[in-house]
């Protein structure tokens, strides 16, 4: 009986660790889309304390373009990829100033956009 209790406690501990590792820390960026077939829950974007923008994919997405630009239109980064579920794409924003940047996540099914 004691062995079963210890096994259950261990399993719960491992489960809680695996769940916490899938949650990106930092400020969550809210993504919105107009005419799009991409649910905003498909992608999670966070800005970490070290000025790294982390894009985490919650489902497989083909032909994805992640564009990060300033409000002025100056492009900071463009990344093209076929994303698999749980893929993570980090981008460092060296001169970050709040409210000055836009992230666009585009696929053939539409576009999501967030401001940070």
PDB file of N, CA and C in Angstrom:
ATOM      1  N   UNK A   1       0.827  -1.194   0.000  1.00  0.00           N
ATOM      2  CA  UNK A   1       0.000   0.000   0.000  1.00  0.00           C
ATOM      3  C   UNK A   1       0.869   1.256   0.000  1.00  0.00           C
ATOM      4  N   UNK A   2       1.904   1.271   0.823  1.00  0.00           N
ATOM      5  CA  UNK A   2       2.787   2.430   0.894  1.00  0.00           C
ATOM      6  C   UNK A   2       3.526   2.631  -0.433  1.00  0.00           C
ATOM      7  N   UNK A   3       3.909   1.526  -1.073  1.00  0.00           N
ATOM      8  CA  UNK A   3       4.598   1.594  -2.347  1.00  0.00           C
ATOM      9  C   UNK A   3       3.692   2.220  -3.410  1.00  0.00           C
ATOM     10  N   UNK A   4       2.402   1.872  -3.400  1.00  0.00           N
ATOM     11  CA  UNK A   4       1.457   2.430  -4.361  1.00  0.00           C
ATOM     12  C   UNK A   4       1.275   3.927  -4.134  1.00  0.00           C
ATOM     13  N   UNK A   5       1.220   4.345  -2.901  1.00  0.00           N
ATOM     14  CA  UNK A   5       1.071   5.772  -2.580  1.00  0.00           C
ATOM     15  C   UNK A   5       2.291   6.544  -3.069  1.00  0.00           C
ATOM     16  N   UNK A   6       3.479   6.013  -2.822  1.00  0.00           N
ATOM     17  CA  UNK A   6       4.699   6.673  -3.274  1.00  0.00           C
ATOM     18  C   UNK A   6       4.761   6.747  -4.800  1.00  0.00           C
ATOM     19  N   UNK A   7       4.326   5.690  -5.474  1.00  0.00           N
ATOM     20  CA  UNK A   7       4.295   5.703  -6.934  1.00  0.00           C
ATOM     21  C   UNK A   7       3.324   6.757  -7.460  1.00  0.00           C
ATOM     22  N   UNK A   8       2.172   6.892  -6.810  1.00  0.00           N
ATOM     23  CA  UNK A   8       1.189   7.896  -7.231  1.00  0.00           C
ATOM     24  C   UNK A   8       1.731   9.304  -7.007  1.00  0.00           C
ATOM     25  N   UNK A   9       2.379   9.521  -5.872  1.00  0.00           N
ATOM     26  CA  UNK A   9       2.956  10.843  -5.586  1.00  0.00           C
ATOM     27  C   UNK A   9       4.028  11.162  -6.619  1.00  0.00           C
ATOM     28  N   UNK A  10       4.877  10.182  -6.943  1.00  0.00           N
ATOM     29  CA  UNK A  10       5.911  10.379  -7.958  1.00  0.00           C
ATOM     30  C   UNK A  10       5.317  10.694  -9.318  1.00  0.00           C
ATOM     31  N   UNK A  11       4.267   9.977  -9.693  1.00  0.00           N
ATOM     32  CA  UNK A  11       3.622  10.206 -10.983  1.00  0.00           C
ATOM     33  C   UNK A  11       3.013  11.605 -11.041  1.00  0.00           C
ATOM     34  N   UNK A  12       2.377  12.050  -9.972  1.00  0.00           N
ATOM     35  CA  UNK A  12       1.802  13.398  -9.924  1.00  0.00           C
ATOM     36  C   UNK A  12       2.896  14.455 -10.025  1.00  0.00           C
ATOM     37  N   UNK A  13       4.018  14.213  -9.368  1.00  0.00           N
ATOM     38  CA  UNK A  13       5.130  15.154  -9.415  1.00  0.00           C
ATOM     39  C   UNK A  13       5.669  15.269 -10.840  1.00  0.00           C
ATOM     40  N   UNK A  14       5.867  14.158 -11.511  1.00  0.00           N
ATOM     41  CA  UNK A  14       6.363  14.167 -12.885  1.00  0.00           C
ATOM     42  C   UNK A  14       5.361  14.838 -13.811  1.00  0.00           C
ATOM     43  N   UNK A  15       4.077  14.558 -13.626  1.00  0.00           N
ATOM     44  CA  UNK A  15       3.041  15.197 -14.437  1.00  0.00           C
ATOM     45  C   UNK A  15       3.063  16.702 -14.248  1.00  0.00           C
ATOM     46  N   UNK A  16       3.175  17.169 -13.014  1.00  0.00           N
ATOM     47  CA  UNK A  16       3.183  18.616 -12.757  1.00  0.00           C
ATOM     48  C   UNK A  16       4.418  19.267 -13.365  1.00  0.00           C
ATOM     49  N   UNK A  17       5.560  18.582 -13.352  1.00  0.00           N
ATOM     50  CA  UNK A  17       6.767  19.118 -13.977  1.00  0.00           C
ATOM     51  C   UNK A  17       6.590  19.231 -15.487  1.00  0.00           C
ATOM     52  N   UNK A  18       6.036  18.206 -16.109  1.00  0.00           N
ATOM     53  CA  UNK A  18       5.866  18.238 -17.560  1.00  0.00           C
ATOM     54  C   UNK A  18       4.883  19.318 -17.962  1.00  0.00           C
ATOM     55  N   UNK A  19       3.842  19.550 -17.176  1.00  0.00           N
ATOM     56  CA  UNK A  19       2.876  20.599 -17.481  1.00  0.00           C
ATOM     57  C   UNK A  19       3.512  21.966 -17.353  1.00  0.00           C
ATOM     58  N   UNK A  20       4.283  22.187 -16.287  1.00  0.00           N
ATOM     59  CA  UNK A  20       4.884  23.500 -16.078  1.00  0.00           C
ATOM     60  C   UNK A  20       5.938  23.805 -17.131  1.00  0.00           C
ATOM     61  N   UNK A  21       6.576  22.787 -17.705  1.00  0.00           N
ATOM     62  CA  UNK A  21       7.589  23.018 -18.730  1.00  0.00           C
ATOM     63  C   UNK A  21       6.974  23.445 -20.055  1.00  0.00           C
ATOM     64  N   UNK A  22       5.692  23.152 -20.280  1.00  0.00           N
ATOM     65  CA  UNK A  22       5.049  23.544 -21.530  1.00  0.00           C
ATOM     66  C   UNK A  22       4.510  24.961 -21.459  1.00  0.00           C
ATOM     67  N   UNK A  23       4.488  25.556 -20.309  1.00  0.00           N
ATOM     68  CA  UNK A  23       3.981  26.907 -20.156  1.00  0.00           C
ATOM     69  C   UNK A  23       5.141  27.895 -20.241  1.00  0.00           C
ATOM     70  N   UNK A  24       5.137  28.734 -21.257  1.00  0.00           N
ATOM     71  CA  UNK A  24       6.222  29.694 -21.414  1.00  0.00           C
ATOM     72  C   UNK A  24       6.076  30.812 -20.381  1.00  0.00           C
ATOM     73  N   UNK A  25       7.146  31.128 -19.634  1.00  0.00           N
ATOM     74  CA  UNK A  25       7.072  32.194 -18.649  1.00  0.00           C
ATOM     75  C   UNK A  25       7.134  33.553 -19.332  1.00  0.00           C
ATOM     76  N   UNK A  26       6.720  34.583 -18.640  1.00  0.00           N
ATOM     77  CA  UNK A  26       6.823  35.942 -19.165  1.00  0.00           C
ATOM     78  C   UNK A  26       5.464  36.545 -19.456  1.00  0.00           C
ATOM     79  N   UNK A  27       5.509  37.709 -20.082  1.00  0.00           N
ATOM     80  CA  UNK A  27       4.297  38.460 -20.414  1.00  0.00           C
ATOM     81  C   UNK A  27       3.658  37.858 -21.665  1.00  0.00           C
ATOM     82  N   UNK A  28       2.403  37.466 -21.554  1.00  0.00           N
ATOM     83  CA  UNK A  28       1.704  36.868 -22.684  1.00  0.00           C
ATOM     84  C   UNK A  28       1.269  37.964 -23.657  1.00  0.00           C
ATOM     85  N   UNK A  29       1.547  37.754 -24.931  1.00  0.00           N
ATOM     86  CA  UNK A  29       1.132  38.673 -25.989  1.00  0.00           C
ATOM     87  C   UNK A  29      -0.188  38.177 -26.561  1.00  0.00           C
ATOM     88  N   UNK A  30      -1.193  39.030 -26.580  1.00  0.00           N
ATOM     89  CA  UNK A  30      -2.513  38.654 -27.081  1.00  0.00           C
ATOM     90  C   UNK A  30      -2.499  38.742 -28.608  1.00  0.00           C
ATOM     91  N   UNK A  31      -2.863  37.646 -29.241  1.00  0.00           N
ATOM     92  CA  UNK A  31      -2.902  37.573 -30.700  1.00  0.00           C
ATOM     93  C   UNK A  31      -4.336  37.686 -31.185  1.00  0.00           C
ATOM     94  N   UNK A  32      -4.537  38.473 -32.238  1.00  0.00           N
ATOM     95  CA  UNK A  32      -5.861  38.648 -32.821  1.00  0.00           C
ATOM     96  C   UNK A  32      -5.762  38.428 -34.323  1.00  0.00           C
ATOM     97  N   UNK A  33      -6.871  37.995 -34.891  1.00  0.00           N
ATOM     98  CA  UNK A  33      -6.915  37.802 -36.340  1.00  0.00           C
ATOM     99  C   UNK A  33      -8.262  38.221 -36.873  1.00  0.00           C
ATOM    100  N   UNK A  34      -8.264  38.814 -38.049  1.00  0.00           N
ATOM    101  CA  UNK A  34      -9.512  39.209 -38.691  1.00  0.00           C
ATOM    102  C   UNK A  34     -10.104  38.028 -39.423  1.00  0.00           C
ATOM    103  N   UNK A  35      -9.961  38.020 -40.738  1.00  0.00           N
ATOM    104  CA  UNK A  35     -10.427  36.901 -41.566  1.00  0.00           C
ATOM    105  C   UNK A  35      -9.363  35.815 -41.548  1.00  0.00           C
ATOM    106  N   UNK A  36      -9.443  34.932 -40.594  1.00  0.00           N
ATOM    107  CA  UNK A  36      -8.445  33.883 -40.472  1.00  0.00           C
ATOM    108  C   UNK A  36      -9.080  32.583 -40.029  1.00  0.00           C
ATOM    109  N   UNK A  37      -8.495  31.494 -40.477  1.00  0.00           N
ATOM    110  CA  UNK A  37      -8.932  30.171 -40.040  1.00  0.00           C
ATOM    111  C   UNK A  37      -8.032  29.645 -38.932  1.00  0.00           C
ATOM    112  N   UNK A  38      -7.101  30.486 -38.461  1.00  0.00           N
ATOM    113  CA  UNK A  38      -6.161  30.077 -37.415  1.00  0.00           C
ATOM    114  C   UNK A  38      -6.746  30.472 -36.060  1.00  0.00           C
ATOM    115  N   UNK A  39      -7.075  29.526 -35.197  1.00  0.00           N
ATOM    116  CA  UNK A  39      -7.519  29.901 -33.855  1.00  0.00           C
ATOM    117  C   UNK A  39      -6.351  30.502 -33.077  1.00  0.00           C
ATOM    118  N   UNK A  40      -6.600  31.557 -32.326  1.00  0.00           N
ATOM    119  CA  UNK A  40      -5.520  32.193 -31.564  1.00  0.00           C
ATOM    120  C   UNK A  40      -4.921  31.236 -30.537  1.00  0.00           C
ATOM    121  N   UNK A  41      -5.647  30.198 -30.161  1.00  0.00           N
ATOM    122  CA  UNK A  41      -5.119  29.213 -29.215  1.00  0.00           C
ATOM    123  C   UNK A  41      -4.068  28.299 -29.846  1.00  0.00           C
ATOM    124  N   UNK A  42      -3.872  28.395 -31.171  1.00  0.00           N
ATOM    125  CA  UNK A  42      -2.894  27.558 -31.869  1.00  0.00           C
ATOM    126  C   UNK A  42      -1.460  27.976 -31.591  1.00  0.00           C
ATOM    127  N   UNK A  43      -1.292  29.229 -31.153  1.00  0.00           N
ATOM    128  CA  UNK A  43       0.041  29.794 -30.947  1.00  0.00           C
ATOM    129  C   UNK A  43       0.030  30.596 -29.649  1.00  0.00           C
ATOM    130  N   UNK A  44       1.096  30.463 -28.882  1.00  0.00           N
ATOM    131  CA  UNK A  44       1.265  31.265 -27.665  1.00  0.00           C
ATOM    132  C   UNK A  44       2.552  32.062 -27.818  1.00  0.00           C
ATOM    133  N   UNK A  45       2.465  33.371 -27.573  1.00  0.00           N
ATOM    134  CA  UNK A  45       3.641  34.229 -27.672  1.00  0.00           C
ATOM    135  C   UNK A  45       3.829  34.928 -26.333  1.00  0.00           C
ATOM    136  N   UNK A  46       5.063  34.863 -25.814  1.00  0.00           N
ATOM    137  CA  UNK A  46       5.383  35.532 -24.555  1.00  0.00           C
ATOM    138  C   UNK A  46       6.665  36.334 -24.715  1.00  0.00           C
ATOM    139  N   UNK A  47       6.756  37.397 -23.927  1.00  0.00           N
ATOM    140  CA  UNK A  47       7.968  38.201 -23.869  1.00  0.00           C
ATOM    141  C   UNK A  47       8.597  37.964 -22.508  1.00  0.00           C
ATOM    142  N   UNK A  48       9.800  37.388 -22.519  1.00  0.00           N
ATOM    143  CA  UNK A  48      10.493  37.057 -21.280  1.00  0.00           C
ATOM    144  C   UNK A  48      11.244  38.268 -20.736  1.00  0.00           C
ATOM    145  N   UNK A  49      11.656  38.177 -19.494  1.00  0.00           N
ATOM    146  CA  UNK A  49      12.386  39.265 -18.834  1.00  0.00           C
ATOM    147  C   UNK A  49      13.698  39.597 -19.531  1.00  0.00           C
ATOM    148  N   UNK A  50      14.287  38.615 -20.217  1.00  0.00           N
ATOM    149  CA  UNK A  50      15.562  38.857 -20.909  1.00  0.00           C
ATOM    150  C   UNK A  50      15.360  39.402 -22.325  1.00  0.00           C
ATOM    151  N   UNK A  51      14.145  39.924 -22.608  1.00  0.00           N
ATOM    152  CA  UNK A  51      13.790  40.532 -23.893  1.00  0.00           C
ATOM    153  C   UNK A  51      13.799  39.521 -25.041  1.00  0.00           C
ATOM    154  N   UNK A  52      13.431  38.290 -24.723  1.00  0.00           N
ATOM    155  CA  UNK A  52      13.286  37.260 -25.742  1.00  0.00           C
ATOM    156  C   UNK A  52      11.801  37.023 -25.984  1.00  0.00           C
ATOM    157  N   UNK A  53      11.405  37.126 -27.230  1.00  0.00           N
ATOM    158  CA  UNK A  53      10.035  36.830 -27.632  1.00  0.00           C
ATOM    159  C   UNK A  53       9.992  35.349 -27.976  1.00  0.00           C
ATOM    160  N   UNK A  54       9.142  34.602 -27.293  1.00  0.00           N
ATOM    161  CA  UNK A  54       9.066  33.156 -27.496  1.00  0.00           C
ATOM    162  C   UNK A  54       7.715  32.791 -28.097  1.00  0.00           C
ATOM    163  N   UNK A  55       7.760  32.180 -29.266  1.00  0.00           N
ATOM    164  CA  UNK A  55       6.552  31.718 -29.946  1.00  0.00           C
ATOM    165  C   UNK A  55       6.478  30.204 -29.786  1.00  0.00           C
ATOM    166  N   UNK A  56       5.389  29.717 -29.190  1.00  0.00           N
ATOM    167  CA  UNK A  56       5.186  28.289 -28.959  1.00  0.00           C
ATOM    168  C   UNK A  56       3.958  27.846 -29.751  1.00  0.00           C
ATOM    169  N   UNK A  57       4.123  26.798 -30.533  1.00  0.00           N
ATOM    170  CA  UNK A  57       3.027  26.296 -31.360  1.00  0.00           C
ATOM    171  C   UNK A  57       2.300  25.182 -30.628  1.00  0.00           C
ATOM    172  N   UNK A  58       0.984  25.277 -30.568  1.00  0.00           N
ATOM    173  CA  UNK A  58       0.160  24.286 -29.878  1.00  0.00           C
ATOM    174  C   UNK A  58      -0.459  23.277 -30.844  1.00  0.00           C
ATOM    175  N   UNK A  59      -0.121  23.393 -32.115  1.00  0.00           N
ATOM    176  CA  UNK A  59      -0.554  22.422 -33.121  1.00  0.00           C
ATOM    177  C   UNK A  59       0.380  22.528 -34.314  1.00  0.00           C
ATOM    178  N   UNK A  60       0.358  21.522 -35.180  1.00  0.00           N
ATOM    179  CA  UNK A  60       1.165  21.551 -36.399  1.00  0.00           C
ATOM    180  C   UNK A  60       0.636  22.649 -37.319  1.00  0.00           C
ATOM    181  N   UNK A  61       1.552  23.417 -37.891  1.00  0.00           N
ATOM    182  CA  UNK A  61       1.185  24.482 -38.831  1.00  0.00           C
ATOM    183  C   UNK A  61       2.235  24.517 -39.934  1.00  0.00           C
ATOM    184  N   UNK A  62       1.793  24.384 -41.193  1.00  0.00           N
ATOM    185  CA  UNK A  62       2.714  24.402 -42.329  1.00  0.00           C
ATOM    186  C   UNK A  62       2.854  25.810 -42.890  1.00  0.00           C
ATOM    187  N   UNK A  63       4.028  26.070 -43.462  1.00  0.00           N
ATOM    188  CA  UNK A  63       4.298  27.310 -44.175  1.00  0.00           C
ATOM    189  C   UNK A  63       3.998  28.543 -43.314  1.00  0.00           C
ATOM    190  N   UNK A  64       4.623  28.603 -42.129  1.00  0.00           N
ATOM    191  CA  UNK A  64       4.422  29.698 -41.179  1.00  0.00           C
ATOM    192  C   UNK A  64       5.499  30.761 -41.394  1.00  0.00           C
ATOM    193  N   UNK A  65       5.084  32.011 -41.396  1.00  0.00           N
ATOM    194  CA  UNK A  65       6.026  33.129 -41.414  1.00  0.00           C
ATOM    195  C   UNK A  65       5.785  33.963 -40.167  1.00  0.00           C
ATOM    196  N   UNK A  66       6.838  34.131 -39.366  1.00  0.00           N
ATOM    197  CA  UNK A  66       6.771  34.978 -38.173  1.00  0.00           C
ATOM    198  C   UNK A  66       7.547  36.247 -38.493  1.00  0.00           C
ATOM    199  N   UNK A  67       6.846  37.376 -38.493  1.00  0.00           N
ATOM    200  CA  UNK A  67       7.483  38.664 -38.764  1.00  0.00           C
ATOM    201  C   UNK A  67       7.381  39.523 -37.513  1.00  0.00           C
ATOM    202  N   UNK A  68       8.516  40.057 -37.094  1.00  0.00           N
ATOM    203  CA  UNK A  68       8.550  40.980 -35.963  1.00  0.00           C
ATOM    204  C   UNK A  68       9.038  42.310 -36.500  1.00  0.00           C
ATOM    205  N   UNK A  69       8.253  43.363 -36.246  1.00  0.00           N
ATOM    206  CA  UNK A  69       8.619  44.675 -36.765  1.00  0.00           C
ATOM    207  C   UNK A  69       8.264  45.764 -35.763  1.00  0.00           C
ATOM    208  N   UNK A  70       8.891  46.894 -35.953  1.00  0.00           N
ATOM    209  CA  UNK A  70       8.572  48.060 -35.140  1.00  0.00           C
ATOM    210  C   UNK A  70       7.292  48.693 -35.677  1.00  0.00           C
ATOM    211  N   UNK A  71       6.659  49.536 -34.855  1.00  0.00           N
ATOM    212  CA  UNK A  71       5.450  50.245 -35.295  1.00  0.00           C
ATOM    213  C   UNK A  71       5.727  51.066 -36.548  1.00  0.00           C
ATOM    214  N   UNK A  72       6.956  51.524 -36.712  1.00  0.00           N
ATOM    215  CA  UNK A  72       7.340  52.328 -37.880  1.00  0.00           C
ATOM    216  C   UNK A  72       7.365  51.507 -39.165  1.00  0.00           C
ATOM    217  N   UNK A  73       7.312  50.172 -39.050  1.00  0.00           N
ATOM    218  CA  UNK A  73       7.356  49.289 -40.212  1.00  0.00           C
ATOM    219  C   UNK A  73       8.711  48.623 -40.403  1.00  0.00           C
ATOM    220  N   UNK A  74       9.734  49.086 -39.657  1.00  0.00           N
ATOM    221  CA  UNK A  74      11.070  48.484 -39.767  1.00  0.00           C
ATOM    222  C   UNK A  74      11.023  47.027 -39.307  1.00  0.00           C
ATOM    223  N   UNK A  75      11.437  46.115 -40.170  1.00  0.00           N
ATOM    224  CA  UNK A  75      11.405  44.687 -39.868  1.00  0.00           C
ATOM    225  C   UNK A  75      12.619  44.323 -39.015  1.00  0.00           C
ATOM    226  N   UNK A  76      12.349  43.666 -37.893  1.00  0.00           N
ATOM    227  CA  UNK A  76      13.399  43.223 -36.977  1.00  0.00           C
ATOM    228  C   UNK A  76      13.803  41.792 -37.297  1.00  0.00           C
ATOM    229  N   UNK A  77      12.817  40.950 -37.623  1.00  0.00           N
ATOM    230  CA  UNK A  77      13.087  39.533 -37.845  1.00  0.00           C
ATOM    231  C   UNK A  77      11.993  38.917 -38.707  1.00  0.00           C
ATOM    232  N   UNK A  78      12.402  38.018 -39.599  1.00  0.00           N
ATOM    233  CA  UNK A  78      11.453  37.195 -40.365  1.00  0.00           C
ATOM    234  C   UNK A  78      11.933  35.757 -40.264  1.00  0.00           C
ATOM    235  N   UNK A  79      11.032  34.863 -39.874  1.00  0.00           N
ATOM    236  CA  UNK A  79      11.355  33.438 -39.732  1.00  0.00           C
ATOM    237  C   UNK A  79      10.301  32.641 -40.501  1.00  0.00           C
ATOM    238  N   UNK A  80      10.738  31.796 -41.424  1.00  0.00           N
ATOM    239  CA  UNK A  80       9.840  30.912 -42.171  1.00  0.00           C
ATOM    240  C   UNK A  80      10.063  29.493 -41.687  1.00  0.00           C
ATOM    241  N   UNK A  81       8.964  28.764 -41.464  1.00  0.00           N
ATOM    242  CA  UNK A  81       9.113  27.406 -40.941  1.00  0.00           C
ATOM    243  C   UNK A  81       7.849  26.593 -41.133  1.00  0.00           C
ATOM    244  N   UNK A  82       8.001  25.283 -41.021  1.00  0.00           N
ATOM    245  CA  UNK A  82       6.883  24.356 -40.848  1.00  0.00           C
ATOM    246  C   UNK A  82       6.930  23.988 -39.375  1.00  0.00           C
ATOM    247  N   UNK A  83       5.943  24.423 -38.619  1.00  0.00           N
ATOM    248  CA  UNK A  83       5.955  24.226 -37.168  1.00  0.00           C
ATOM    249  C   UNK A  83       5.218  22.952 -36.789  1.00  0.00           C
ATOM    250  N   UNK A  84       5.796  22.230 -35.879  1.00  0.00           N
ATOM    251  CA  UNK A  84       5.165  21.050 -35.297  1.00  0.00           C
ATOM    252  C   UNK A  84       4.651  21.415 -33.906  1.00  0.00           C
ATOM    253  N   UNK A  85       3.675  20.641 -33.430  1.00  0.00           N
ATOM    254  CA  UNK A  85       3.151  20.886 -32.085  1.00  0.00           C
ATOM    255  C   UNK A  85       4.293  20.884 -31.079  1.00  0.00           C
ATOM    256  N   UNK A  86       4.319  21.868 -30.208  1.00  0.00           N
ATOM    257  CA  UNK A  86       5.315  22.088 -29.144  1.00  0.00           C
ATOM    258  C   UNK A  86       6.600  22.730 -29.648  1.00  0.00           C
ATOM    259  N   UNK A  87       6.716  23.030 -30.951  1.00  0.00           N
ATOM    260  CA  UNK A  87       7.892  23.748 -31.428  1.00  0.00           C
ATOM    261  C   UNK A  87       7.948  25.125 -30.782  1.00  0.00           C
ATOM    262  N   UNK A  88       9.165  25.569 -30.510  1.00  0.00           N
ATOM    263  CA  UNK A  88       9.390  26.867 -29.882  1.00  0.00           C
ATOM    264  C   UNK A  88      10.335  27.663 -30.770  1.00  0.00           C
ATOM    265  N   UNK A  89       9.992  28.928 -31.021  1.00  0.00           N
ATOM    266  CA  UNK A  89      10.813  29.800 -31.838  1.00  0.00           C
ATOM    267  C   UNK A  89      11.153  31.053 -31.023  1.00  0.00           C
ATOM    268  N   UNK A  90      12.377  31.131 -30.473  1.00  0.00           N
ATOM    269  CA  UNK A  90      12.765  32.317 -29.702  1.00  0.00           C
ATOM    270  C   UNK A  90      13.374  33.400 -30.601  1.00  0.00           C
ATOM    271  N   UNK A  91      13.085  34.664 -30.288  1.00  0.00           N
ATOM    272  CA  UNK A  91      13.665  35.794 -31.002  1.00  0.00           C
ATOM    273  C   UNK A  91      14.068  36.847 -29.981  1.00  0.00           C
ATOM    274  N   UNK A  92      15.332  37.250 -29.997  1.00  0.00           N
ATOM    275  CA  UNK A  92      15.815  38.276 -29.073  1.00  0.00           C
ATOM    276  C   UNK A  92      15.462  39.659 -29.620  1.00  0.00           C
ATOM    277  N   UNK A  93      14.939  40.513 -28.742  1.00  0.00           N
ATOM    278  CA  UNK A  93      14.601  41.897 -29.092  1.00  0.00           C
ATOM    279  C   UNK A  93      15.544  42.799 -28.296  1.00  0.00           C
ATOM    280  N   UNK A  94      16.718  43.141 -28.842  1.00  0.00           N
ATOM    281  CA  UNK A  94      17.757  43.804 -28.049  1.00  0.00           C
ATOM    282  C   UNK A  94      17.402  45.197 -27.526  1.00  0.00           C
ATOM    283  N   UNK A  95      16.735  46.012 -28.319  1.00  0.00           N
ATOM    284  CA  UNK A  95      16.424  47.381 -27.895  1.00  0.00           C
ATOM    285  C   UNK A  95      14.944  47.535 -27.573  1.00  0.00           C
ATOM    286  N   UNK A  96      14.393  46.569 -26.874  1.00  0.00           N
ATOM    287  CA  UNK A  96      12.949  46.530 -26.620  1.00  0.00           C
ATOM    288  C   UNK A  96      12.460  47.737 -25.816  1.00  0.00           C
ATOM    289  N   UNK A  97      11.394  48.356 -26.331  1.00  0.00           N
ATOM    290  CA  UNK A  97      10.662  49.401 -25.608  1.00  0.00           C
ATOM    291  C   UNK A  97       9.186  49.049 -25.745  1.00  0.00           C
ATOM    292  N   UNK A  98       8.500  48.928 -24.625  1.00  0.00           N
ATOM    293  CA  UNK A  98       7.114  48.453 -24.610  1.00  0.00           C
ATOM    294  C   UNK A  98       6.208  49.248 -25.544  1.00  0.00           C
ATOM    295  N   UNK A  99       5.368  48.513 -26.267  1.00  0.00           N
ATOM    296  CA  UNK A  99       4.367  49.117 -27.135  1.00  0.00           C
ATOM    297  C   UNK A  99       4.875  49.515 -28.508  1.00  0.00           C
ATOM    298  N   UNK A 100       6.125  49.221 -28.816  1.00  0.00           N
ATOM    299  CA  UNK A 100       6.696  49.656 -30.083  1.00  0.00           C
ATOM    300  C   UNK A 100       6.801  48.564 -31.139  1.00  0.00           C
ATOM    301  N   UNK A 101       6.363  47.338 -30.834  1.00  0.00           N
ATOM    302  CA  UNK A 101       6.589  46.219 -31.743  1.00  0.00           C
ATOM    303  C   UNK A 101       5.295  45.490 -32.088  1.00  0.00           C
ATOM    304  N   UNK A 102       5.334  44.821 -33.242  1.00  0.00           N
ATOM    305  CA  UNK A 102       4.211  44.009 -33.720  1.00  0.00           C
ATOM    306  C   UNK A 102       4.773  42.648 -34.125  1.00  0.00           C
ATOM    307  N   UNK A 103       4.053  41.578 -33.781  1.00  0.00           N
ATOM    308  CA  UNK A 103       4.378  40.248 -34.289  1.00  0.00           C
ATOM    309  C   UNK A 103       3.228  39.819 -35.192  1.00  0.00           C
ATOM    310  N   UNK A 104       3.582  39.316 -36.371  1.00  0.00           N
ATOM    311  CA  UNK A 104       2.607  38.780 -37.309  1.00  0.00           C
ATOM    312  C   UNK A 104       2.956  37.318 -37.554  1.00  0.00           C
ATOM    313  N   UNK A 105       1.969  36.463 -37.397  1.00  0.00           N
ATOM    314  CA  UNK A 105       2.145  35.035 -37.662  1.00  0.00           C
ATOM    315  C   UNK A 105       1.214  34.699 -38.820  1.00  0.00           C
ATOM    316  N   UNK A 106       1.809  34.395 -39.968  1.00  0.00           N
ATOM    317  CA  UNK A 106       1.034  34.174 -41.195  1.00  0.00           C
ATOM    318  C   UNK A 106       1.169  32.740 -41.674  1.00  0.00           C
ATOM    319  N   UNK A 107       0.067  32.199 -42.164  1.00  0.00           N
ATOM    320  CA  UNK A 107       0.039  30.898 -42.832  1.00  0.00           C
ATOM    321  C   UNK A 107      -0.899  31.043 -44.029  1.00  0.00           C
ATOM    322  N   UNK A 108      -0.970  30.038 -44.885  1.00  0.00           N
ATOM    323  CA  UNK A 108      -1.950  30.105 -45.979  1.00  0.00           C
ATOM    324  C   UNK A 108      -3.395  30.216 -45.473  1.00  0.00           C
ATOM    325  N   UNK A 109      -3.639  29.846 -44.207  1.00  0.00           N
ATOM    326  CA  UNK A 109      -4.998  29.902 -43.641  1.00  0.00           C
ATOM    327  C   UNK A 109      -5.336  31.253 -43.028  1.00  0.00           C
ATOM    328  N   UNK A 110      -4.368  32.177 -42.964  1.00  0.00           N
ATOM    329  CA  UNK A 110      -4.665  33.494 -42.404  1.00  0.00           C
ATOM    330  C   UNK A 110      -3.506  34.034 -41.585  1.00  0.00           C
ATOM    331  N   UNK A 111      -3.825  35.055 -40.783  1.00  0.00           N
ATOM    332  CA  UNK A 111      -2.791  35.764 -40.045  1.00  0.00           C
ATOM    333  C   UNK A 111      -3.271  36.122 -38.642  1.00  0.00           C
ATOM    334  N   UNK A 112      -2.349  36.007 -37.679  1.00  0.00           N
ATOM    335  CA  UNK A 112      -2.582  36.493 -36.328  1.00  0.00           C
ATOM    336  C   UNK A 112      -1.583  37.600 -36.064  1.00  0.00           C
ATOM    337  N   UNK A 113      -2.006  38.584 -35.258  1.00  0.00           N
ATOM    338  CA  UNK A 113      -1.138  39.722 -34.983  1.00  0.00           C
ATOM    339  C   UNK A 113      -1.242  40.104 -33.511  1.00  0.00           C
ATOM    340  N   UNK A 114      -0.119  40.510 -32.946  1.00  0.00           N
ATOM    341  CA  UNK A 114      -0.095  40.982 -31.578  1.00  0.00           C
ATOM    342  C   UNK A 114       0.852  42.154 -31.437  1.00  0.00           C
ATOM    343  N   UNK A 115       0.565  42.999 -30.461  1.00  0.00           N
ATOM    344  CA  UNK A 115       1.400  44.191 -30.225  1.00  0.00           C
ATOM    345  C   UNK A 115       2.046  44.038 -28.852  1.00  0.00           C
ATOM    346  N   UNK A 116       3.318  44.433 -28.779  1.00  0.00           N
ATOM    347  CA  UNK A 116       4.016  44.344 -27.505  1.00  0.00           C
ATOM    348  C   UNK A 116       5.030  45.452 -27.369  1.00  0.00           C
TER     349      UNK A 116
END
